[in-house]
Amino acid sequence: MLLSLGLFFQILLLLSNVNSQDNCLKSPTQVNEREVCSNKIIFEENFDSLDTSKWRNTIKISSAEEEEFVVYDNDPKNIYIQNGKLIIQPTVMSDAIVINGTLNLKRCTGRYGTTDCYMKATSFNILPPIKTAQISSKFFSFKYGIVEIRAKLPSGNWLYPQLWLEPKDREYGHLFNSGRIGIACAHGNEDLKSSELDISSKMLKSGVVVGVGEKVQHKSAMFLNKNERWNKDFHNYTLVWRENSLDIIVDGRVQQIVNQSHPLLSGFAFNTEQKESTWPTSSPFAPFDKEFFLTIGVAAGGMREFPNDSTSSNSEAKPWKNKGEVKFLLKFWEAKNQWYPTWKEEESSLQVDYIKITSL
């Protein structure tokens, strides 16, 4: 009996689907709470445009949670596509706004009714003086996989990039109780030391942050580039996130950030107080056993990123203190003549060429 042409092609399609399912090797990777096949591209962005179906702009005043000296918005002066690359360019607001102005972010993505969305400058409580941008893949989250980013990091004193993974649901608690995975960060300062350690743009770090308050703990993989600064050219940054380890690969160089048995994880997970209140039913690799999403941005200053003893090559000290000082924003702003001349237009931007995430 002869088959009709339409029925013939339907059978071929059915057989093709069966074969593709048979060839699907189940991956430990999870995407938006669903299982996926192994070795498949699960997220890809080449920045031909800024796809709003993939990315959500952060619109908020940086608050005590992060404490950067910035306002995040979606101003086209701060975030745009150019020659197939994402450009995030920080800018400085005017004296009139910083000292006497008011910010009222109508499309605020922060907490309404707080200084995330509304702030008025009064006395030494000036407004955060830097306007910048940040985007997140909040419509896409995943657990375990290989993240590849090709990017050029920003240059300029007290600037730093945000290329990290954040927890989707913060199931282990607020802020860093649920962890953060940093893919690549280098300070924009050309010359910067802390306790004689070079923490300038020659030093690249990738790492994790866990804990809360005084119990926040860091673990970083450091890449010291003695001959060139990390923000002078594009580099390939790859994170390999497995069920029991986190590895970072930079331009072919491999270094492990942390594994399941690392004291940072085991010490935090099995601390009596934290185990009862934060990680009661966690796996050995918690909090890095839940879905995370990608965040990309540029920040300046802040209360976490730069140690208090940071000094430049001419012994110029960091103008603000991270703790015990109420005028930290004002002191940063008053030192504008020191740091702003180091921001060289395009050089002070974060430029991202592409992002690709593959299942394990």
Protein backbone atom coordinates (compact mmCIF):
# COMPACT_ATOMS: atom_id res chain seq x y z
CA MET A 1 0.00 0.00 0.00
CA LEU A 2 1.43 3.29 -1.05
CA LEU A 3 1.65 6.09 1.52
CA SER A 4 0.60 9.62 0.70
CA LEU A 5 3.49 12.11 0.49
CA GLY A 6 2.19 14.04 3.52
CA LEU A 7 1.89 10.90 5.67
CA PHE A 8 5.39 9.81 4.57
CA PHE A 9 6.94 13.05 5.80
CA GLN A 10 4.97 12.85 9.07
CA ILE A 11 6.45 9.39 9.74
CA LEU A 12 9.97 10.68 8.94
CA LEU A 13 9.47 13.56 11.39
CA LEU A 14 8.23 11.17 14.08
CA LEU A 15 11.22 8.86 13.58
CA SER A 16 13.56 11.86 13.71
CA ASN A 17 12.05 12.96 17.01
CA VAL A 18 12.39 9.47 18.46
CA ASN A 19 16.02 9.28 17.39
CA SER A 20 16.81 12.72 18.79
CA GLN A 21 15.24 11.72 22.10
CA ASP A 22 17.22 8.46 22.13
CA ASN A 23 20.42 10.45 21.53
CA CYS A 24 19.70 12.85 24.37
CA LEU A 25 22.10 12.22 27.20
CA LYS A 26 20.55 13.58 30.38
CA SER A 27 22.59 16.44 31.85
CA PRO A 28 22.92 17.49 35.49
CA THR A 29 22.24 21.00 34.15
CA GLN A 30 18.81 22.41 34.88
CA VAL A 31 17.22 25.35 33.01
CA ASN A 32 14.22 27.20 34.44
CA GLU A 33 13.56 24.14 36.63
CA ARG A 34 13.56 21.75 33.67
CA GLU A 35 15.92 18.97 32.65
CA VAL A 36 18.01 19.40 29.50
CA CYS A 37 20.23 17.28 27.27
CA SER A 38 23.97 17.22 27.73
CA ASN A 39 26.33 19.45 25.72
CA LYS A 40 23.63 21.79 24.39
CA ILE A 41 23.72 25.59 24.14
CA ILE A 42 21.11 26.74 26.64
CA PHE A 43 21.70 30.51 26.38
CA GLU A 44 23.45 32.59 23.73
CA GLU A 45 23.79 36.33 23.23
CA ASN A 46 25.82 38.03 20.48
CA PHE A 47 24.45 41.53 21.14
CA ASP A 48 23.16 42.36 17.69
CA SER A 49 20.55 44.20 19.75
CA LEU A 50 19.57 44.45 23.39
CA ASP A 51 16.91 41.75 23.50
CA THR A 52 14.34 42.65 26.17
CA SER A 53 13.00 39.09 26.06
CA LYS A 54 16.36 38.01 27.56
CA TRP A 55 17.41 40.96 29.70
CA ARG A 56 15.88 43.10 32.41
CA ASN A 57 17.36 46.49 33.28
CA THR A 58 18.05 47.26 36.92
CA ILE A 59 16.52 50.64 37.79
CA LYS A 60 17.34 51.57 41.36
CA ILE A 61 19.52 53.62 43.65
CA SER A 62 22.24 51.45 45.11
CA SER A 63 21.27 50.82 48.72
CA ALA A 64 22.81 49.41 51.86
CA GLU A 65 22.51 45.91 50.41
CA GLU A 66 25.29 46.55 47.89
CA GLU A 67 26.49 50.03 48.88
CA GLU A 68 28.01 51.04 45.55
CA PHE A 69 28.11 54.77 44.86
CA VAL A 70 25.84 54.53 41.82
CA VAL A 71 22.36 54.89 40.40
CA TYR A 72 21.31 52.19 37.94
CA ASP A 73 19.10 53.23 35.04
CA ASN A 74 18.50 52.38 31.39
CA ASP A 75 19.64 55.70 29.94
CA PRO A 76 20.99 55.16 26.38
CA LYS A 77 24.03 57.22 27.37
CA ASN A 78 24.91 54.47 29.85
CA ILE A 79 23.88 51.31 28.02
CA TYR A 80 23.79 50.67 24.28
CA ILE A 81 24.84 48.33 21.48
CA GLN A 82 27.77 49.33 19.26
CA ASN A 83 29.40 47.20 16.55
CA GLY A 84 27.86 44.02 17.91
CA LYS A 85 28.95 44.65 21.48
CA LEU A 86 27.15 45.58 24.67
CA ILE A 87 28.54 48.84 26.08
CA ILE A 88 27.91 49.89 29.68
CA GLN A 89 29.35 53.36 30.24
CA PRO A 90 29.31 55.03 33.68
CA THR A 91 28.83 58.80 33.78
CA VAL A 92 29.14 61.43 36.49
CA MET A 93 26.12 63.53 37.51
CA SER A 94 26.31 67.28 37.96
CA ASP A 95 27.11 69.04 41.24
CA ALA A 96 23.61 70.53 41.33
CA ILE A 97 21.95 67.10 41.28
CA VAL A 98 24.43 65.36 43.59
CA ILE A 99 24.43 68.07 46.27
CA ASN A 100 20.88 69.46 46.09
CA GLY A 101 18.86 67.19 43.82
CA THR A 102 16.15 64.57 44.14
CA LEU A 103 15.94 61.18 42.48
CA ASN A 104 12.54 59.62 41.90
CA LEU A 105 12.81 56.51 39.75
CA LYS A 106 9.35 55.89 38.31
CA ARG A 107 10.12 52.47 36.81
CA CYS A 108 12.12 51.39 39.83
CA THR A 109 12.90 47.67 40.09
CA GLY A 110 13.92 48.01 43.74
CA ARG A 111 11.77 48.15 46.85
CA TYR A 112 9.08 50.82 46.57
CA GLY A 113 8.85 53.19 49.49
CA THR A 114 12.59 52.95 50.20
CA THR A 115 15.75 54.75 49.08
CA ASP A 116 16.01 52.16 46.31
CA CYS A 117 13.53 54.32 44.39
CA TYR A 118 13.47 57.79 45.97
CA MET A 119 16.19 59.87 47.55
CA LYS A 120 16.65 63.56 48.29
CA ALA A 121 20.07 65.09 48.95
CA THR A 122 20.34 66.68 52.39
CA SER A 123 23.44 68.04 54.10
CA PHE A 124 26.27 65.49 53.76
CA ASN A 125 23.81 62.80 52.64
CA ILE A 126 24.37 63.51 48.97
CA LEU A 127 23.03 61.43 46.12
CA PRO A 128 25.15 58.63 44.68
CA PRO A 129 27.10 60.62 42.07
CA ILE A 130 27.63 57.94 39.40
CA LYS A 131 24.99 56.95 36.86
CA THR A 132 25.48 53.57 35.25
CA ALA A 133 23.62 50.45 34.11
CA GLN A 134 23.10 46.83 35.01
CA ILE A 135 21.14 44.06 33.27
CA SER A 136 20.12 40.59 34.41
CA SER A 137 18.89 37.46 32.66
CA LYS A 138 16.00 37.15 35.08
CA PHE A 139 13.88 35.33 32.50
CA PHE A 140 16.59 32.67 32.27
CA SER A 141 18.10 30.80 35.20
CA PHE A 142 20.07 27.60 35.38
CA LYS A 143 21.95 25.22 37.65
CA TYR A 144 25.34 23.81 36.57
CA GLY A 145 26.88 24.49 33.18
CA ILE A 146 29.68 26.22 31.31
CA VAL A 147 29.52 30.02 31.03
CA GLU A 148 31.68 31.71 28.39
CA ILE A 149 32.01 35.50 28.24
CA ARG A 150 34.29 37.53 25.99
CA ALA A 151 34.66 41.01 27.42
CA LYS A 152 36.85 44.07 27.89
CA LEU A 153 36.80 45.37 31.47
CA PRO A 154 36.48 49.06 32.42
CA SER A 155 39.45 51.32 33.20
CA GLY A 156 39.34 54.20 35.70
CA ASN A 157 39.91 54.67 39.41
CA TRP A 158 37.35 52.99 41.69
CA LEU A 159 35.46 51.38 38.81
CA TYR A 160 34.86 47.65 38.57
CA PRO A 161 32.78 45.30 36.39
CA GLN A 162 29.91 43.10 37.49
CA LEU A 163 30.06 39.76 35.71
CA TRP A 164 28.48 37.36 38.13
CA LEU A 165 25.76 34.77 38.82
CA GLU A 166 23.09 35.52 41.41
CA PRO A 167 20.61 33.11 43.04
CA LYS A 168 17.17 33.02 41.45
CA ASP A 169 15.05 32.55 44.58
CA ARG A 170 17.50 33.15 47.48
CA GLU A 171 16.25 29.93 49.08
CA TYR A 172 19.03 30.00 51.68
CA GLY A 173 18.30 33.53 52.85
CA HIS A 174 18.95 37.20 52.15
CA LEU A 175 21.87 38.52 50.08
CA PHE A 176 25.03 36.38 50.34
CA ASN A 177 23.44 33.68 52.51
CA SER A 178 22.32 32.31 49.15
CA GLY A 179 25.71 32.95 47.56
CA ARG A 180 27.13 34.74 44.54
CA ILE A 181 29.52 33.49 41.85
CA GLY A 182 31.88 36.08 40.38
CA ILE A 183 33.15 35.28 36.87
CA ALA A 184 35.65 38.11 36.31
CA CYS A 185 36.56 41.33 38.11
CA ALA A 186 39.53 43.68 37.91
CA HIS A 187 39.69 47.08 39.55
CA GLY A 188 39.88 49.98 37.13
CA ASN A 189 42.79 51.59 39.00
CA GLU A 190 46.09 51.37 37.12
CA ASP A 191 48.02 51.47 40.39
CA LEU A 192 46.51 50.21 43.63
CA LYS A 193 47.88 48.29 46.58
CA SER A 194 46.46 46.87 49.80
CA SER A 195 48.87 45.50 52.42
CA GLU A 196 51.54 45.51 49.70
CA LEU A 197 49.37 43.27 47.49
CA ASP A 198 48.82 44.53 43.95
CA ILE A 199 45.04 44.90 43.55
CA SER A 200 45.21 47.14 40.49
CA SER A 201 43.95 46.30 37.02
CA LYS A 202 46.83 43.81 36.77
CA MET A 203 44.99 41.55 39.22
CA LEU A 204 41.98 39.57 38.01
CA LYS A 205 39.78 37.73 40.48
CA SER A 206 36.92 35.27 40.15
CA GLY A 207 35.22 33.77 43.14
CA VAL A 208 32.33 33.11 45.44
CA VAL A 209 30.79 35.02 48.31
CA VAL A 210 28.74 33.33 51.06
CA GLY A 211 27.38 34.42 54.42
CA VAL A 212 25.73 37.47 55.90
CA GLY A 213 26.88 40.51 57.87
CA GLU A 214 30.15 39.95 59.67
CA LYS A 215 30.10 36.28 58.59
CA VAL A 216 30.45 37.01 54.87
CA GLN A 217 33.27 34.88 53.48
CA HIS A 218 35.13 35.16 50.17
CA LYS A 219 37.06 32.64 48.11
CA SER A 220 38.78 33.89 44.97
CA ALA A 221 40.99 32.58 42.20
CA MET A 222 43.59 35.25 41.38
CA PHE A 223 45.28 35.80 38.03
CA LEU A 224 48.18 38.27 38.18
CA ASN A 225 49.15 39.69 34.80
CA LYS A 226 52.61 41.17 35.33
CA ASN A 227 53.05 42.55 31.84
CA GLU A 228 49.64 43.97 30.96
CA ARG A 229 46.43 45.15 32.58
CA TRP A 230 43.30 43.07 32.24
CA ASN A 231 41.26 46.06 31.06
CA LYS A 232 43.42 46.87 28.03
CA ASP A 233 41.99 44.22 25.73
CA PHE A 234 39.28 41.60 25.33
CA HIS A 235 39.72 38.31 27.17
CA ASN A 236 37.80 35.04 27.31
CA TYR A 237 36.37 34.21 30.73
CA THR A 238 34.89 30.75 31.27
CA LEU A 239 33.21 29.39 34.40
CA VAL A 240 32.71 25.63 34.71
CA TRP A 241 30.06 25.04 37.37
CA ARG A 242 29.68 21.38 38.33
CA GLU A 243 27.78 19.62 41.10
CA ASN A 244 30.82 19.66 43.39
CA SER A 245 33.22 22.29 42.04
CA LEU A 246 33.63 25.71 40.43
CA ASP A 247 36.50 26.21 37.98
CA ILE A 248 37.52 29.36 36.13
CA ILE A 249 39.35 29.36 32.80
CA VAL A 250 40.89 32.62 31.55
CA ASP A 251 42.41 32.60 28.07
CA GLY A 252 43.14 28.88 28.48
CA ARG A 253 44.51 29.06 32.04
CA VAL A 254 42.58 26.94 34.53
CA GLN A 255 42.23 27.50 38.25
CA GLN A 256 39.74 26.05 40.69
CA ILE A 257 37.77 28.54 42.76
CA VAL A 258 36.24 26.10 45.22
CA ASN A 259 35.13 22.51 45.56
CA GLN A 260 32.75 20.59 47.77
CA SER A 261 35.33 19.90 50.47
CA HIS A 262 36.68 23.45 50.66
CA PRO A 263 36.67 24.84 54.25
CA LEU A 264 34.76 27.93 53.10
CA LEU A 265 31.78 25.77 52.25
CA SER A 266 32.01 23.04 54.85
CA GLY A 267 32.79 25.50 57.63
CA PHE A 268 29.82 27.68 56.75
CA ALA A 269 27.36 24.91 55.93
CA PHE A 270 27.98 22.99 59.13
CA ASN A 271 28.32 25.87 61.53
CA THR A 272 25.67 25.04 64.16
CA GLU A 273 23.95 28.41 64.12
CA GLN A 274 23.87 28.70 60.32
CA LYS A 275 22.84 25.08 59.77
CA GLU A 276 19.73 25.50 61.89
CA SER A 277 18.62 28.84 60.48
CA THR A 278 19.94 28.96 56.91
CA TRP A 279 20.87 25.63 55.35
CA PRO A 280 18.70 23.01 57.13
CA THR A 281 18.36 20.59 54.21
CA SER A 282 21.23 21.62 51.99
CA SER A 283 23.51 19.51 49.85
CA PRO A 284 27.27 19.47 50.55
CA PHE A 285 27.78 22.12 47.84
CA ALA A 286 25.17 24.58 49.13
CA PRO A 287 24.42 27.34 48.45
CA PHE A 288 25.67 26.63 44.94
CA ASP A 289 23.14 23.88 44.31
CA LYS A 290 20.22 26.08 43.20
CA GLU A 291 19.43 27.97 40.01
CA PHE A 292 21.27 31.25 39.35
CA PHE A 293 20.87 33.99 36.75
CA LEU A 294 23.47 36.20 35.04
CA THR A 295 24.09 39.86 35.94
CA ILE A 296 26.21 42.30 33.93
CA GLY A 297 27.01 45.87 34.95
CA VAL A 298 29.53 48.49 36.05
CA ALA A 299 29.82 49.89 39.57
CA ALA A 300 31.98 52.48 41.32
CA GLY A 301 33.26 52.82 44.87
CA GLY A 302 31.18 51.08 47.49
CA MET A 303 31.72 49.60 50.92
CA ARG A 304 32.85 46.09 49.96
CA GLU A 305 35.12 46.12 46.94
CA PHE A 306 38.10 48.27 47.99
CA PRO A 307 39.96 47.68 51.29
CA ASN A 308 40.38 50.65 53.61
CA ASP A 309 44.17 50.60 53.28
CA SER A 310 44.07 50.90 49.48
CA THR A 311 46.66 53.35 48.15
CA SER A 312 47.79 54.40 44.68
CA SER A 313 51.37 54.53 43.47
CA ASN A 314 51.89 58.06 44.80
CA SER A 315 50.61 57.00 48.26
CA GLU A 316 47.24 58.61 47.61
CA ALA A 317 44.85 56.91 50.02
CA LYS A 318 41.32 55.79 49.26
CA PRO A 319 39.21 58.87 50.11
CA TRP A 320 36.48 57.07 52.08
CA LYS A 321 36.24 54.40 54.77
CA ASN A 322 34.12 51.29 54.48
CA LYS A 323 32.83 51.33 58.05
CA GLY A 324 32.23 53.79 60.84
CA GLU A 325 31.96 56.84 58.59
CA VAL A 326 28.71 58.61 57.70
CA LYS A 327 30.20 60.94 55.08
CA PHE A 328 31.61 58.25 52.79
CA LEU A 329 29.70 59.43 49.71
CA LEU A 330 30.63 63.05 50.31
CA LYS A 331 34.32 62.20 50.74
CA PHE A 332 34.27 60.19 47.52
CA TRP A 333 32.66 63.12 45.71
CA GLU A 334 35.08 65.66 47.17
CA ALA A 335 37.95 63.61 45.69
CA LYS A 336 36.46 63.83 42.19
CA ASN A 337 39.45 65.80 40.88
CA GLN A 338 41.64 62.81 41.75
CA TRP A 339 39.64 59.97 40.22
CA TYR A 340 37.51 61.45 37.44
CA PRO A 341 40.45 62.39 35.16
CA THR A 342 41.33 58.67 35.02
CA TRP A 343 38.00 57.87 33.33
CA LYS A 344 38.82 57.99 29.63
CA GLU A 345 35.48 57.89 27.79
CA GLU A 346 35.23 54.51 26.02
CA GLU A 347 38.05 53.04 28.14
CA SER A 348 35.91 53.37 31.25
CA SER A 349 33.13 51.22 29.79
CA LEU A 350 32.49 47.50 30.11
CA GLN A 351 32.32 45.96 26.64
CA VAL A 352 30.84 42.50 26.16
CA ASP A 353 31.28 40.74 22.82
CA TYR A 354 29.27 37.57 23.44
CA ILE A 355 27.93 35.19 26.07
CA LYS A 356 27.34 31.48 25.68
CA ILE A 357 26.13 29.01 28.28
CA THR A 358 26.31 25.28 27.58
CA SER A 359 24.89 22.34 29.52
CA LEU A 360 27.29 19.83 31.07
